[in-house]
Protein backbone atom coordinates (compact mmCIF):
# COMPACT_ATOMS: atom_id res chain seq x y z
CA MET A 1 55.09 13.43 24.36
CA ARG A 2 56.71 12.36 20.95
CA PRO A 3 53.14 9.62 20.52
CA LEU A 4 50.59 12.68 21.45
CA LEU A 5 52.53 14.70 18.45
CA ALA A 6 52.35 11.59 16.31
CA PHE A 7 48.50 11.04 17.01
CA ALA A 8 47.39 14.72 16.69
CA ALA A 9 49.32 14.93 13.28
CA VAL A 10 47.66 11.61 12.09
CA CYS A 11 43.93 13.20 13.34
CA ALA A 12 44.61 16.19 10.64
CA LEU A 13 45.70 14.53 8.26
CA LEU A 14 42.73 12.15 8.10
CA VAL A 15 40.03 15.10 8.61
CA ALA A 16 41.78 17.11 5.81
CA ALA A 17 41.27 13.59 3.32
CA ALA A 18 37.78 14.04 4.79
CA ALA A 19 37.11 17.63 3.91
CA GLU A 20 39.23 17.18 0.49
CA GLU A 21 37.09 13.98 -0.27
CA GLU A 22 33.70 16.50 0.52
CA LYS A 23 35.42 19.21 -2.06
CA ALA A 24 35.62 16.28 -4.06
CA ASN A 25 31.70 14.61 -3.96
CA LYS A 26 30.26 15.28 -6.90
CA PHE A 27 26.72 13.79 -5.85
CA ARG A 28 26.96 16.36 -2.49
CA GLN A 29 27.69 19.62 -4.63
CA ARG A 30 24.58 19.19 -6.18
CA GLU A 31 21.10 21.35 -5.58
CA ALA A 32 17.77 20.43 -5.89
CA SER A 33 16.76 23.37 -8.12
CA ASP A 34 13.06 21.96 -8.93
CA ASP A 35 12.58 22.01 -4.58
CA LEU A 36 14.20 24.91 -4.53
CA LEU A 37 12.71 26.76 -7.01
CA GLY A 38 9.19 24.29 -6.95
CA TYR A 39 7.33 24.85 -10.07
CA PRO A 40 8.60 28.57 -11.68
CA HIS A 41 6.58 28.28 -14.93
CA LEU A 42 2.94 27.55 -12.90
CA ASP A 43 0.97 30.66 -11.36
CA GLU A 44 -0.16 29.35 -7.59
CA ASP A 45 -2.43 32.18 -7.36
CA ALA A 46 -4.31 31.36 -10.75
CA LEU A 47 -4.15 27.89 -9.90
CA LEU A 48 -6.42 27.98 -6.56
CA ASN A 49 -9.11 30.18 -8.59
CA THR A 50 -9.79 27.21 -10.83
CA LYS A 51 -12.46 24.57 -10.56
CA CYS A 52 -11.11 21.09 -11.56
CA PRO A 53 -12.01 20.03 -15.06
CA LYS A 54 -13.04 16.77 -14.16
CA HIS A 55 -15.92 18.37 -12.51
CA VAL A 56 -15.29 16.26 -9.52
CA GLU A 57 -18.16 16.25 -6.75
CA LEU A 58 -17.42 15.03 -3.54
CA ARG A 59 -20.71 12.94 -2.73
CA TRP A 60 -20.56 12.00 1.21
CA GLN A 61 -17.40 11.17 3.45
CA THR A 62 -17.88 9.12 6.36
CA GLU A 63 -14.86 8.42 9.83
CA VAL A 64 -14.01 4.76 10.44
CA SER A 65 -12.38 2.69 12.91
CA SER A 66 -8.96 4.22 12.43
CA SER A 67 -6.50 5.02 9.87
CA ILE A 68 -6.57 3.48 6.43
CA TYR A 69 -2.74 1.82 5.03
CA ALA A 70 -4.20 0.09 1.71
CA THR A 71 -6.83 0.33 -0.96
CA PRO A 72 -10.50 -0.27 -0.18
CA LEU A 73 -12.11 -2.63 -2.45
CA ILE A 74 -14.91 -1.38 -4.41
CA ALA A 75 -17.19 -4.16 -5.25
CA ASP A 76 -20.84 -5.57 -5.14
CA ILE A 77 -20.06 -8.37 -2.42
CA ASN A 78 -24.44 -9.70 -1.76
CA SER A 79 -24.78 -9.54 -6.02
CA ASP A 80 -28.12 -6.33 -5.22
CA GLY A 81 -26.69 -4.51 -7.98
CA LYS A 82 -25.01 -1.67 -5.80
CA LEU A 83 -21.57 -1.43 -5.77
CA GLU A 84 -20.10 -1.38 -1.41
CA VAL A 85 -16.25 -0.31 -0.29
CA VAL A 86 -14.32 -2.47 1.64
CA VAL A 87 -12.36 -0.58 3.88
CA PRO A 88 -9.24 -2.75 5.87
CA SER A 89 -8.64 -0.17 8.76
CA PHE A 90 -5.04 -0.67 10.43
CA VAL A 91 -6.41 -2.25 13.59
CA HIS A 92 -8.61 -4.86 14.28
CA TYR A 93 -11.61 -3.80 11.98
CA LEU A 94 -12.67 -4.81 8.37
CA GLU A 95 -15.28 -2.33 7.47
CA VAL A 96 -18.04 -2.37 4.62
CA LEU A 97 -19.71 0.78 3.54
CA GLU A 98 -22.51 1.49 1.54
CA GLY A 99 -21.27 3.08 -2.18
CA SER A 100 -24.53 5.55 -2.30
CA ASP A 101 -24.27 6.85 1.19
CA GLY A 102 -21.44 5.93 3.28
CA ASP A 103 -23.35 4.18 5.62
CA LYS A 104 -21.92 0.96 7.55
CA LEU A 105 -23.79 -2.49 5.88
CA PRO A 106 -25.73 -4.46 8.66
CA GLY A 107 -22.58 -7.14 10.18
CA TRP A 108 -20.11 -4.79 9.84
CA PRO A 109 -17.64 -4.05 10.85
CA ALA A 110 -16.09 -7.20 11.18
CA PHE A 111 -13.67 -7.57 14.18
CA HIS A 112 -9.77 -9.58 13.84
CA GLN A 113 -6.46 -9.64 15.63
CA SER A 114 -4.48 -8.05 14.07
CA ASN A 115 -3.28 -4.92 11.81
CA VAL A 116 -3.63 -4.77 7.85
CA HIS A 117 -1.46 -3.47 5.16
CA SER A 118 -2.69 -5.20 2.34
CA SER A 119 -6.22 -4.67 0.24
CA PRO A 120 -8.93 -7.61 0.40
CA LEU A 121 -10.45 -9.79 -2.22
CA LEU A 122 -13.50 -11.31 -3.63
CA TYR A 123 -12.76 -15.35 -3.88
CA ASP A 124 -14.83 -18.35 -3.32
CA VAL A 125 -13.30 -20.26 -0.65
CA ASP A 126 -15.79 -22.56 0.14
CA LYS A 127 -17.32 -23.08 -3.72
CA ASP A 128 -20.99 -22.69 -2.30
CA GLY A 129 -21.24 -20.05 -5.77
CA THR A 130 -20.99 -17.07 -3.23
CA ARG A 131 -17.34 -15.06 -3.15
CA GLU A 132 -16.10 -14.35 0.14
CA ILE A 133 -13.42 -11.51 1.68
CA VAL A 134 -10.16 -12.93 1.57
CA LEU A 135 -8.02 -10.22 4.07
CA ALA A 136 -4.49 -10.63 4.81
CA THR A 137 -2.91 -9.53 8.31
CA TYR A 138 0.31 -8.26 8.84
CA ASN A 139 1.23 -11.54 10.98
CA GLY A 140 0.39 -13.54 8.42
CA VAL A 141 -2.38 -14.76 9.06
CA VAL A 142 -5.68 -14.68 6.13
CA ASN A 143 -8.76 -14.60 7.15
CA PHE A 144 -12.28 -15.17 5.52
CA PHE A 145 -15.32 -13.41 6.13
CA ARG A 146 -18.67 -13.94 4.73
CA VAL A 147 -20.75 -11.21 3.17
CA SER A 148 -22.91 -11.19 6.77
CA GLY A 149 -19.90 -9.81 8.37
CA TYR A 150 -19.13 -13.18 10.40
CA MET A 151 -15.15 -14.35 9.83
CA MET A 152 -14.96 -17.90 8.85
CA MET A 153 -13.22 -20.89 11.35
CA ASP A 154 -10.82 -21.49 8.77
CA LYS A 155 -8.10 -19.17 8.01
CA LEU A 156 -4.74 -19.80 6.65
CA GLU A 157 -1.21 -19.14 7.95
CA VAL A 158 2.13 -17.78 6.32
CA PRO A 159 5.25 -17.96 7.92
CA ARG A 160 6.14 -14.33 7.37
CA ARG A 161 9.88 -14.35 6.33
CA LYS A 162 7.43 -16.43 3.03
CA GLU A 163 5.53 -13.66 2.78
CA TRP A 164 5.54 -11.04 -0.42
CA ARG A 165 4.10 -8.34 -1.19
CA SER A 166 0.73 -8.30 -3.50
CA SER A 167 1.71 -6.07 -6.57
CA ASN A 168 4.48 -9.05 -6.37
CA GLN A 169 2.60 -11.79 -6.93
CA GLY A 170 1.32 -13.79 -10.04
CA ARG A 171 -1.68 -12.50 -10.71
CA ASN A 172 -1.53 -9.15 -9.24
CA ASN A 173 0.89 -7.14 -11.76
CA ALA A 174 0.66 -3.51 -11.73
CA ALA A 175 -1.11 -2.03 -14.67
CA TYR A 176 1.47 1.09 -15.17
CA ARG A 177 -0.77 2.27 -18.48
CA TYR A 178 -4.14 3.27 -18.71
CA ASN A 179 -6.33 1.54 -21.69
CA ARG A 180 -3.50 -0.79 -22.73
CA GLU A 181 -4.72 -3.81 -22.38
CA GLY A 182 -7.35 -5.65 -20.49
CA ILE A 183 -11.01 -6.68 -21.01
CA TYR A 184 -14.29 -5.21 -19.60
CA VAL A 185 -18.01 -5.93 -19.78
CA LYS A 186 -19.93 -3.59 -22.51
CA HIS A 187 -22.82 -1.37 -20.55
CA GLY A 188 -25.98 -3.09 -21.83
CA SER A 189 -24.81 -6.67 -20.41
CA ARG A 190 -23.54 -5.44 -17.03
CA THR A 191 -27.12 -3.44 -16.08
CA PHE A 192 -28.41 -4.90 -13.13
CA ARG A 193 -31.32 -6.97 -15.00
CA ASP A 194 -33.41 -10.00 -14.60
CA GLU A 195 -33.18 -12.88 -16.72
CA GLU A 196 -35.35 -15.62 -18.00
CA GLY A 197 -35.24 -18.43 -20.47
CA LYS A 198 -32.80 -20.81 -20.45
CA HIS A 199 -29.64 -18.82 -22.21
CA PHE A 200 -28.46 -15.31 -22.13
CA TRP A 201 -26.23 -13.21 -24.12
CA LEU A 202 -22.72 -11.81 -22.38
CA GLU A 203 -21.37 -8.38 -24.48
CA PHE A 204 -17.21 -7.71 -24.03
CA GLU A 205 -14.61 -6.26 -25.12
CA ILE A 206 -11.03 -7.29 -25.36
CA VAL A 207 -8.75 -4.11 -25.74
CA ASP A 208 -4.93 -4.65 -26.71
CA LYS A 209 -3.64 -0.88 -28.24
CA TYR A 210 0.41 -2.64 -28.17
CA ARG A 211 1.99 -0.85 -30.84
CA VAL A 212 4.25 -2.38 -33.57
CA PRO A 213 6.62 -3.96 -33.98
CA ASN A 214 5.24 -5.42 -30.31
CA GLY A 215 1.66 -6.27 -31.85
CA ASN A 216 -1.14 -7.90 -30.55
CA GLN A 217 -0.63 -9.78 -27.30
CA ALA A 218 -3.13 -12.31 -28.62
CA PRO A 219 -4.13 -15.22 -28.02
CA TYR A 220 -6.94 -14.58 -25.24
CA ASN A 221 -7.87 -17.25 -23.21
CA VAL A 222 -11.48 -16.03 -21.80
CA THR A 223 -13.26 -17.84 -19.11
CA VAL A 224 -16.59 -16.47 -17.89
CA SER A 225 -17.75 -17.97 -14.46
CA LEU A 226 -21.45 -17.88 -13.16
CA LEU A 227 -21.42 -17.78 -9.84
CA VAL A 228 -25.11 -18.87 -7.85
CA PRO A 229 -25.18 -18.89 -4.32
CA GLY A 230 -26.55 -21.77 -2.41
CA ASN A 231 -30.64 -21.67 -2.94
CA TYR A 232 -29.56 -23.60 -6.53
CA GLN A 233 -29.22 -27.09 -5.72
CA GLY A 234 -27.28 -27.83 -9.02
CA GLU A 235 -23.66 -26.89 -9.99
CA ARG A 236 -22.77 -23.56 -8.19
CA ARG A 237 -20.06 -22.40 -10.43
CA ILE A 238 -21.07 -22.37 -14.43
CA VAL A 239 -17.98 -22.12 -16.43
CA VAL A 240 -17.36 -21.42 -20.08
CA SER A 241 -13.70 -20.75 -22.10
CA THR A 242 -13.05 -19.20 -25.21
CA ILE A 243 -10.14 -18.53 -26.89
CA TYR A 244 -10.16 -15.61 -29.33
CA ASN A 245 -7.16 -14.54 -31.64
CA GLU A 246 -8.22 -10.82 -31.97
CA PRO A 247 -9.62 -7.89 -29.70
CA GLY A 248 -12.71 -6.35 -30.36
CA LYS A 249 -16.43 -6.72 -29.46
CA GLN A 250 -17.11 -10.23 -28.18
CA ARG A 251 -20.42 -12.28 -27.49
CA MET A 252 -20.94 -15.17 -25.63
CA LYS A 253 -23.86 -17.19 -24.62
CA LEU A 254 -24.04 -18.21 -20.84
CA PRO A 255 -26.95 -20.42 -19.70
CA THR A 256 -29.43 -19.54 -16.37
CA VAL A 257 -30.54 -21.09 -13.89
CA PRO A 258 -33.90 -22.77 -13.39
CA VAL A 259 -34.67 -21.27 -10.13
CA ARG A 260 -35.50 -17.66 -8.55
CA THR A 261 -31.65 -16.59 -7.09
CA THR A 262 -29.32 -14.00 -7.82
CA GLY A 263 -25.78 -14.77 -9.34
CA THR A 264 -22.33 -13.09 -10.17
CA VAL A 265 -21.02 -13.03 -14.01
CA PHE A 266 -17.10 -12.89 -13.21
CA VAL A 267 -15.19 -12.67 -16.60
CA GLU A 268 -11.48 -13.74 -16.56
CA MET A 269 -8.72 -13.01 -19.54
CA VAL A 270 -5.04 -14.65 -20.00
CA ASP A 271 -3.29 -13.11 -22.70
CA LYS A 272 0.05 -14.84 -24.39
CA ASN A 273 2.26 -13.55 -21.61
CA GLY A 274 0.27 -14.71 -18.68
CA PHE A 275 -1.22 -11.38 -17.55
CA TYR A 276 -4.37 -11.78 -16.27
CA PHE A 277 -7.29 -9.16 -16.21
CA SER A 278 -11.34 -9.61 -15.06
CA ASP A 279 -14.67 -7.73 -14.66
CA GLU A 280 -17.82 -8.61 -13.12
CA PHE A 281 -20.61 -7.62 -12.94
CA SER A 282 -24.70 -8.72 -11.08
CA LEU A 283 -27.64 -10.11 -11.97
CA THR A 284 -31.25 -11.47 -11.00
CA PHE A 285 -32.91 -15.14 -12.55
CA HIS A 286 -36.55 -15.45 -12.85
CA MET A 287 -37.70 -12.43 -9.78
CA HIS A 288 -39.85 -10.40 -12.24
CA TYR A 289 -41.66 -13.57 -13.35
CA TYR A 290 -42.86 -14.45 -9.52
CA LYS A 291 -43.59 -10.90 -9.56
CA LEU A 292 -46.06 -11.49 -12.30
CA LEU A 293 -47.22 -14.81 -11.16
CA LYS A 294 -48.15 -12.94 -7.62
CA TRP A 295 -50.44 -10.76 -9.16
CA LEU A 296 -52.02 -13.05 -11.45
CA VAL A 297 -53.54 -15.04 -8.40
CA LEU A 298 -54.06 -11.82 -6.86
CA LEU A 299 -56.12 -9.63 -9.12
CA PRO A 300 -59.12 -12.83 -9.88
CA MET A 301 -59.54 -12.82 -6.08
CA LEU A 302 -59.87 -8.68 -5.61
CA GLY A 303 -62.26 -8.33 -8.61
CA MET A 304 -64.51 -11.12 -7.41
CA PHE A 305 -64.26 -9.01 -4.31
CA SER A 306 -65.27 -5.83 -5.94
CA VAL A 307 -68.05 -6.93 -7.87
CA LEU A 308 -69.88 -8.36 -4.15
CA VAL A 309 -68.78 -5.42 -3.55
CA ILE A 310 -70.72 -3.42 -6.33
CA LEU A 311 -73.80 -5.84 -6.25
CA ARG A 312 -74.71 -6.55 -2.78
CA PRO A 313 -77.98 -6.02 -1.67
CA GLN A 314 -79.57 -3.28 -0.74
CA GLU A 315 -80.23 -1.99 3.10
CA GLY A 316 -83.53 -3.10 4.50
CA ALA A 317 -84.02 -5.51 1.35
CA PRO A 318 -85.52 -9.17 2.68
CA LEU A 319 -83.38 -12.12 2.61
CA PRO A 320 -84.85 -14.84 0.29
CA SER A 321 -86.65 -17.69 2.38
CA PHE A 322 -86.33 -21.19 1.17
CA SER A 323 -89.04 -22.41 3.95
CA ARG A 324 -91.95 -23.89 3.04
CA ASN A 325 -94.22 -22.03 5.86
CA ILE A 326 -96.33 -20.55 3.70
CA ASP A 327 -97.69 -18.64 6.67
């Protein structure tokens, strides 16, 4: 009987101590007033009747194969001057949509055998001048897709214990403030166009708005790469590098290629702290020249045909005879 009474007394003491600790815990006594009251100074009814000040308009919407848990990639993947949306759906499919209307690009979606939690990126894997789509999957396999939708046989397998989130790796540092630091190609240079001659000019701007006493993050190591597809027999990756000591607008002279082809210009910048920024655009070489040459060949033939039609003999007129028989 006495052991039972002793055990009951110990239990009562433990319950009383827990209750006292509950009362003395200042963290449990706090109230989330914002959650209870919401935003007390915000008129929700007026907000519902107000239009967005940024004039955002829904252009299109579409349905993909499954849910999306990673940010899609928006880029010109096939160097046609138009943006595409590369969507990493959660289960088994990588999809590419037309940026203008959301239609699926021919050859897509592409099938793979895993789930995806990470965003795709573009990289020239086989050094042929055309960038492939790189996709890291949940089971530690990195797949490579050509712009046609074909999944390459080569792949990387990474042990899962060594996987890192992309935001914690080297060049994927998150940008915490907009318009603080970076590099971008000026509108006049990034407009989709055809280049001729031996050289063309690239205009870009280095942005660095760090305040005193930090000052700017110079020097800026700027590397511009011209990626050329496989129909060019020369160097597939033409690289020009320059170091700048001040931010602002800059110009760089780049060589053209002597064949009729497309190309992608990839601009990269690394500051003194090793932070990485990039921009890109697409263009063509000597496309308009070949169109003009086609008309130069076709127009004389059309002119000669028109003259023959206009000067044709009248109906019923005898044909000229070259016979010696005068009868």
